[in-house]
Amino acid sequence: MWISPRIKRLTLVYTSYILSVEEVLSMYATIQKWGNSQGLRIPKALLDAVGLKEHDRVELVQMDDGINIRRASATPHRTLEERLTAFYGKHIDQIGRIEAEELDWGKAEGSEAW
């Protein structure tokens, strides 16, 4: 079978697009005065859709065109002892007590009570 030299190998390229369509809830709310601050009531349907509930901690991030509200990362509660250990690098029992020396400010002037 004879093939003309003008016919070149034809490679077909298929481009496929996967379009993911998610239902997005869009609602309006009004910023209201709550004490010395401003508050925003978020509808329950929206909270349920994103898995948030009352007393959940959220992070507020300033954006160019608004405010982004997202679930705050879970930070474990640390006791004072754990915080001091992390600060000093050793257990609180090994820190010891720091005694401050008393400074002599001189004799009383005026009506100070010594």
N, C-alpha and C. Protein backbone atom coordinates (compact mmCIF):
# COMPACT_ATOMS: atom_id res chain seq x y z
N MET A 1 0.85 -1.17 0.00
CA MET A 1 0.00 0.00 0.00
C MET A 1 0.89 1.24 0.00
N TRP A 2 0.57 2.10 -0.88
CA TRP A 2 1.37 3.31 -1.03
C TRP A 2 0.75 4.45 -0.23
N ILE A 3 1.58 5.23 0.58
CA ILE A 3 1.10 6.37 1.36
C ILE A 3 1.82 7.60 0.84
N SER A 4 1.03 8.60 0.56
CA SER A 4 1.58 9.84 0.04
C SER A 4 2.48 10.49 1.09
N PRO A 5 3.62 11.04 0.69
CA PRO A 5 4.50 11.71 1.65
C PRO A 5 3.88 12.96 2.25
N ARG A 6 2.82 13.47 1.64
CA ARG A 6 2.18 14.67 2.18
C ARG A 6 1.32 14.35 3.40
N ILE A 7 0.96 13.11 3.60
CA ILE A 7 0.14 12.73 4.75
C ILE A 7 1.07 12.46 5.92
N LYS A 8 0.89 13.19 6.97
CA LYS A 8 1.74 13.03 8.15
C LYS A 8 0.98 12.28 9.21
N ARG A 9 1.71 11.78 10.13
CA ARG A 9 1.08 11.05 11.23
C ARG A 9 0.21 12.00 12.02
N LEU A 10 -0.98 11.58 12.30
CA LEU A 10 -1.95 12.41 12.99
C LEU A 10 -2.08 11.92 14.42
N THR A 11 -1.81 12.78 15.36
CA THR A 11 -1.96 12.45 16.77
C THR A 11 -3.14 13.22 17.31
N LEU A 12 -4.06 12.50 17.88
CA LEU A 12 -5.23 13.14 18.46
C LEU A 12 -4.99 13.36 19.94
N VAL A 13 -5.24 14.55 20.38
CA VAL A 13 -5.10 14.90 21.79
C VAL A 13 -6.48 15.24 22.31
N TYR A 14 -6.87 14.53 23.34
CA TYR A 14 -8.16 14.80 23.96
C TYR A 14 -7.92 15.53 25.27
N THR A 15 -8.56 16.62 25.45
CA THR A 15 -8.49 17.36 26.70
C THR A 15 -9.81 17.18 27.41
N SER A 16 -9.72 16.72 28.63
CA SER A 16 -10.96 16.53 29.39
C SER A 16 -10.94 17.44 30.60
N TYR A 17 -12.07 17.95 30.92
CA TYR A 17 -12.23 18.81 32.07
C TYR A 17 -13.16 18.13 33.05
N ILE A 18 -12.76 18.12 34.30
CA ILE A 18 -13.63 17.60 35.34
C ILE A 18 -14.14 18.79 36.12
N LEU A 19 -15.42 18.96 36.08
CA LEU A 19 -16.04 20.09 36.75
C LEU A 19 -16.72 19.59 38.00
N SER A 20 -16.26 20.07 39.12
CA SER A 20 -16.86 19.68 40.40
C SER A 20 -17.82 20.78 40.82
N VAL A 21 -19.05 20.42 40.94
CA VAL A 21 -20.07 21.39 41.32
C VAL A 21 -20.52 21.06 42.73
N GLU A 22 -20.35 22.00 43.62
CA GLU A 22 -20.78 21.84 45.00
C GLU A 22 -21.87 22.84 45.28
N GLU A 23 -22.78 22.42 46.13
CA GLU A 23 -23.83 23.34 46.53
C GLU A 23 -23.25 24.30 47.55
N VAL A 24 -23.36 25.57 47.30
CA VAL A 24 -22.82 26.58 48.19
C VAL A 24 -23.99 27.38 48.75
N LEU A 25 -24.03 27.46 50.07
CA LEU A 25 -25.07 28.25 50.71
C LEU A 25 -24.65 29.70 50.70
N SER A 26 -25.53 30.55 50.29
CA SER A 26 -25.27 31.98 50.29
C SER A 26 -26.40 32.65 51.06
N MET A 27 -26.03 33.35 52.11
CA MET A 27 -27.03 34.00 52.96
C MET A 27 -26.55 35.40 53.31
N TYR A 28 -27.47 36.22 53.76
CA TYR A 28 -27.14 37.56 54.21
C TYR A 28 -27.35 37.65 55.71
N ALA A 29 -26.56 38.48 56.35
CA ALA A 29 -26.69 38.74 57.78
C ALA A 29 -26.36 40.21 58.00
N THR A 30 -26.76 40.71 59.15
CA THR A 30 -26.52 42.11 59.49
C THR A 30 -25.62 42.18 60.72
N ILE A 31 -24.62 43.02 60.66
CA ILE A 31 -23.75 43.23 61.82
C ILE A 31 -24.52 44.10 62.80
N GLN A 32 -24.56 43.65 64.06
CA GLN A 32 -25.33 44.34 65.09
C GLN A 32 -24.45 44.67 66.29
N LYS A 33 -24.85 45.67 67.03
CA LYS A 33 -24.13 46.08 68.23
C LYS A 33 -24.44 45.09 69.35
N TRP A 34 -23.40 44.56 69.99
CA TRP A 34 -23.52 43.68 71.14
C TRP A 34 -22.58 44.23 72.21
N GLY A 35 -23.10 44.94 73.17
CA GLY A 35 -22.26 45.55 74.19
C GLY A 35 -21.35 46.58 73.56
N ASN A 36 -20.04 46.47 73.84
CA ASN A 36 -19.06 47.38 73.26
C ASN A 36 -18.50 46.87 71.93
N SER A 37 -19.01 45.72 71.47
CA SER A 37 -18.50 45.12 70.24
C SER A 37 -19.59 45.07 69.18
N GLN A 38 -19.25 44.49 68.06
CA GLN A 38 -20.21 44.25 66.99
C GLN A 38 -20.35 42.74 66.86
N GLY A 39 -21.56 42.27 66.56
CA GLY A 39 -21.80 40.84 66.46
C GLY A 39 -22.42 40.48 65.13
N LEU A 40 -22.24 39.24 64.75
CA LEU A 40 -22.79 38.71 63.51
C LEU A 40 -23.46 37.39 63.84
N ARG A 41 -24.75 37.29 63.60
CA ARG A 41 -25.48 36.04 63.83
C ARG A 41 -25.38 35.19 62.57
N ILE A 42 -24.88 33.98 62.75
CA ILE A 42 -24.72 33.07 61.62
C ILE A 42 -25.88 32.08 61.65
N PRO A 43 -26.63 31.96 60.57
CA PRO A 43 -27.77 31.05 60.55
C PRO A 43 -27.36 29.60 60.82
N LYS A 44 -28.23 28.87 61.52
CA LYS A 44 -27.96 27.49 61.91
C LYS A 44 -27.71 26.61 60.69
N ALA A 45 -28.45 26.82 59.62
CA ALA A 45 -28.27 26.00 58.41
C ALA A 45 -26.85 26.12 57.87
N LEU A 46 -26.29 27.31 57.94
CA LEU A 46 -24.92 27.52 57.46
C LEU A 46 -23.91 26.86 58.40
N LEU A 47 -24.14 26.97 59.71
CA LEU A 47 -23.26 26.32 60.68
C LEU A 47 -23.29 24.81 60.51
N ASP A 48 -24.50 24.25 60.32
CA ASP A 48 -24.63 22.81 60.12
C ASP A 48 -23.91 22.37 58.85
N ALA A 49 -23.98 23.18 57.81
CA ALA A 49 -23.35 22.83 56.54
C ALA A 49 -21.83 22.74 56.64
N VAL A 50 -21.24 23.55 57.51
CA VAL A 50 -19.77 23.54 57.65
C VAL A 50 -19.32 22.80 58.90
N GLY A 51 -20.26 22.26 59.67
CA GLY A 51 -19.90 21.45 60.83
C GLY A 51 -19.50 22.23 62.06
N LEU A 52 -20.01 23.44 62.21
CA LEU A 52 -19.72 24.24 63.40
C LEU A 52 -20.93 24.25 64.31
N LYS A 53 -20.67 24.46 65.60
CA LYS A 53 -21.77 24.56 66.56
C LYS A 53 -21.45 25.63 67.59
N GLU A 54 -22.40 25.88 68.46
CA GLU A 54 -22.23 26.90 69.49
C GLU A 54 -20.99 26.59 70.33
N HIS A 55 -20.24 27.61 70.68
CA HIS A 55 -19.03 27.56 71.51
C HIS A 55 -17.80 27.01 70.78
N ASP A 56 -17.90 26.69 69.49
CA ASP A 56 -16.71 26.29 68.74
C ASP A 56 -15.84 27.53 68.53
N ARG A 57 -14.52 27.35 68.62
CA ARG A 57 -13.60 28.45 68.37
C ARG A 57 -13.39 28.61 66.87
N VAL A 58 -13.42 29.84 66.41
CA VAL A 58 -13.18 30.13 65.00
C VAL A 58 -12.07 31.16 64.89
N GLU A 59 -11.45 31.19 63.74
CA GLU A 59 -10.39 32.16 63.45
C GLU A 59 -10.95 33.16 62.45
N LEU A 60 -10.77 34.43 62.71
CA LEU A 60 -11.22 35.48 61.80
C LEU A 60 -10.00 36.03 61.08
N VAL A 61 -10.02 35.98 59.75
CA VAL A 61 -8.88 36.42 58.95
C VAL A 61 -9.31 37.58 58.06
N GLN A 62 -8.60 38.69 58.17
CA GLN A 62 -8.90 39.86 57.33
C GLN A 62 -8.44 39.57 55.90
N MET A 63 -9.34 39.75 54.96
CA MET A 63 -9.03 39.56 53.54
C MET A 63 -9.17 40.92 52.85
N ASP A 64 -8.75 41.01 51.61
CA ASP A 64 -8.87 42.27 50.86
C ASP A 64 -10.33 42.68 50.69
N ASP A 65 -11.19 41.69 50.49
CA ASP A 65 -12.58 42.01 50.19
C ASP A 65 -13.55 41.57 51.28
N GLY A 66 -13.07 41.25 52.47
CA GLY A 66 -13.98 40.84 53.54
C GLY A 66 -13.27 40.14 54.67
N ILE A 67 -14.02 39.30 55.36
CA ILE A 67 -13.52 38.55 56.50
C ILE A 67 -13.75 37.07 56.23
N ASN A 68 -12.73 36.26 56.43
CA ASN A 68 -12.85 34.82 56.28
C ASN A 68 -12.99 34.22 57.67
N ILE A 69 -14.03 33.41 57.87
CA ILE A 69 -14.26 32.75 59.15
C ILE A 69 -13.99 31.27 58.95
N ARG A 70 -13.05 30.71 59.75
CA ARG A 70 -12.78 29.28 59.63
C ARG A 70 -12.54 28.68 61.00
N ARG A 71 -12.71 27.39 61.08
CA ARG A 71 -12.53 26.67 62.34
C ARG A 71 -11.10 26.89 62.84
N ALA A 72 -10.98 27.22 64.11
CA ALA A 72 -9.66 27.44 64.70
C ALA A 72 -8.99 26.10 64.95
N SER A 73 -7.68 26.07 64.81
CA SER A 73 -6.96 24.83 65.09
C SER A 73 -7.07 24.52 66.57
N ALA A 74 -7.16 23.26 66.87
CA ALA A 74 -7.33 22.84 68.26
C ALA A 74 -5.99 22.95 68.98
N THR A 75 -5.93 23.82 69.95
CA THR A 75 -4.73 23.94 70.77
C THR A 75 -5.04 23.34 72.13
N PRO A 76 -4.23 22.41 72.58
CA PRO A 76 -4.52 21.78 73.86
C PRO A 76 -4.35 22.77 75.02
N HIS A 77 -5.17 22.61 76.03
CA HIS A 77 -5.07 23.46 77.22
C HIS A 77 -3.82 23.06 77.99
N ARG A 78 -3.03 24.04 78.37
CA ARG A 78 -1.83 23.77 79.16
C ARG A 78 -1.96 24.42 80.52
N THR A 79 -1.56 23.69 81.54
CA THR A 79 -1.60 24.22 82.90
C THR A 79 -0.47 25.22 83.08
N LEU A 80 -0.52 25.96 84.18
CA LEU A 80 0.54 26.92 84.49
C LEU A 80 1.88 26.19 84.64
N GLU A 81 1.84 25.04 85.27
CA GLU A 81 3.07 24.25 85.45
C GLU A 81 3.66 23.87 84.09
N GLU A 82 2.83 23.45 83.15
CA GLU A 82 3.31 23.08 81.82
C GLU A 82 3.86 24.30 81.08
N ARG A 83 3.22 25.44 81.25
CA ARG A 83 3.69 26.66 80.59
C ARG A 83 5.04 27.11 81.15
N LEU A 84 5.20 27.05 82.48
CA LEU A 84 6.47 27.44 83.10
C LEU A 84 7.58 26.48 82.70
N THR A 85 7.27 25.20 82.63
CA THR A 85 8.26 24.21 82.21
C THR A 85 8.71 24.50 80.78
N ALA A 86 7.77 24.83 79.91
CA ALA A 86 8.12 25.15 78.53
C ALA A 86 8.95 26.44 78.46
N PHE A 87 8.64 27.42 79.31
CA PHE A 87 9.34 28.70 79.29
C PHE A 87 10.77 28.57 79.80
N TYR A 88 10.95 27.91 80.96
CA TYR A 88 12.27 27.80 81.58
C TYR A 88 13.09 26.63 81.04
N GLY A 89 12.44 25.67 80.39
CA GLY A 89 13.16 24.51 79.88
C GLY A 89 13.46 23.47 80.93
N LYS A 90 12.91 23.59 82.10
CA LYS A 90 13.06 22.58 83.15
C LYS A 90 11.82 22.60 84.02
N HIS A 91 11.65 21.53 84.79
CA HIS A 91 10.45 21.39 85.62
C HIS A 91 10.39 22.49 86.67
N ILE A 92 9.19 22.82 87.08
CA ILE A 92 8.98 23.92 88.03
C ILE A 92 9.69 23.68 89.35
N ASP A 93 9.83 22.41 89.76
CA ASP A 93 10.54 22.10 91.01
C ASP A 93 12.03 22.38 90.90
N GLN A 94 12.57 22.39 89.69
CA GLN A 94 13.99 22.63 89.49
C GLN A 94 14.31 24.11 89.25
N ILE A 95 13.28 24.91 89.11
CA ILE A 95 13.49 26.33 88.85
C ILE A 95 14.01 27.03 90.09
N GLY A 96 13.45 26.71 91.22
CA GLY A 96 13.87 27.34 92.46
C GLY A 96 13.18 28.68 92.66
N ARG A 97 13.35 29.21 93.82
CA ARG A 97 12.71 30.49 94.15
C ARG A 97 13.72 31.61 93.95
N ILE A 98 13.28 32.64 93.33
CA ILE A 98 14.16 33.79 93.09
C ILE A 98 13.85 34.83 94.15
N GLU A 99 14.86 35.14 94.94
CA GLU A 99 14.70 36.16 95.99
C GLU A 99 15.19 37.49 95.44
N ALA A 100 14.37 38.48 95.55
CA ALA A 100 14.75 39.81 95.11
C ALA A 100 15.32 40.57 96.30
N GLU A 101 16.43 41.21 96.09
CA GLU A 101 17.00 41.97 97.20
C GLU A 101 16.27 43.30 97.33
N GLU A 102 16.18 43.76 98.54
CA GLU A 102 15.48 45.01 98.81
C GLU A 102 16.44 46.17 98.55
N LEU A 103 15.95 47.16 97.86
CA LEU A 103 16.77 48.32 97.54
C LEU A 103 16.56 49.40 98.61
N ASP A 104 17.64 50.07 98.96
CA ASP A 104 17.56 51.16 99.91
C ASP A 104 17.31 52.44 99.12
N TRP A 105 16.15 53.02 99.33
CA TRP A 105 15.77 54.23 98.63
C TRP A 105 16.09 55.49 99.43
N GLY A 106 16.75 55.33 100.57
CA GLY A 106 17.08 56.48 101.39
C GLY A 106 15.99 56.75 102.42
N LYS A 107 16.16 57.83 103.17
CA LYS A 107 15.18 58.12 104.21
C LYS A 107 13.91 58.69 103.60
N ALA A 108 12.84 58.59 104.36
CA ALA A 108 11.53 59.06 103.91
C ALA A 108 11.56 60.56 103.70
N GLU A 109 10.96 61.01 102.63
CA GLU A 109 10.85 62.42 102.33
C GLU A 109 9.38 62.78 102.32
N GLY A 110 8.99 63.81 102.95
CA GLY A 110 7.59 64.21 102.93
C GLY A 110 6.74 63.36 103.86
N SER A 111 5.57 62.93 103.39
CA SER A 111 4.63 62.24 104.28
C SER A 111 4.49 60.75 103.94
N GLU A 112 5.54 60.11 103.37
CA GLU A 112 5.46 58.68 103.09
C GLU A 112 5.40 57.89 104.38
N ALA A 113 4.71 56.78 104.35
CA ALA A 113 4.65 55.90 105.52
C ALA A 113 5.64 54.77 105.30
N TRP A 114 6.63 54.60 106.22
CA TRP A 114 7.62 53.53 106.10
C TRP A 114 7.43 52.55 107.18
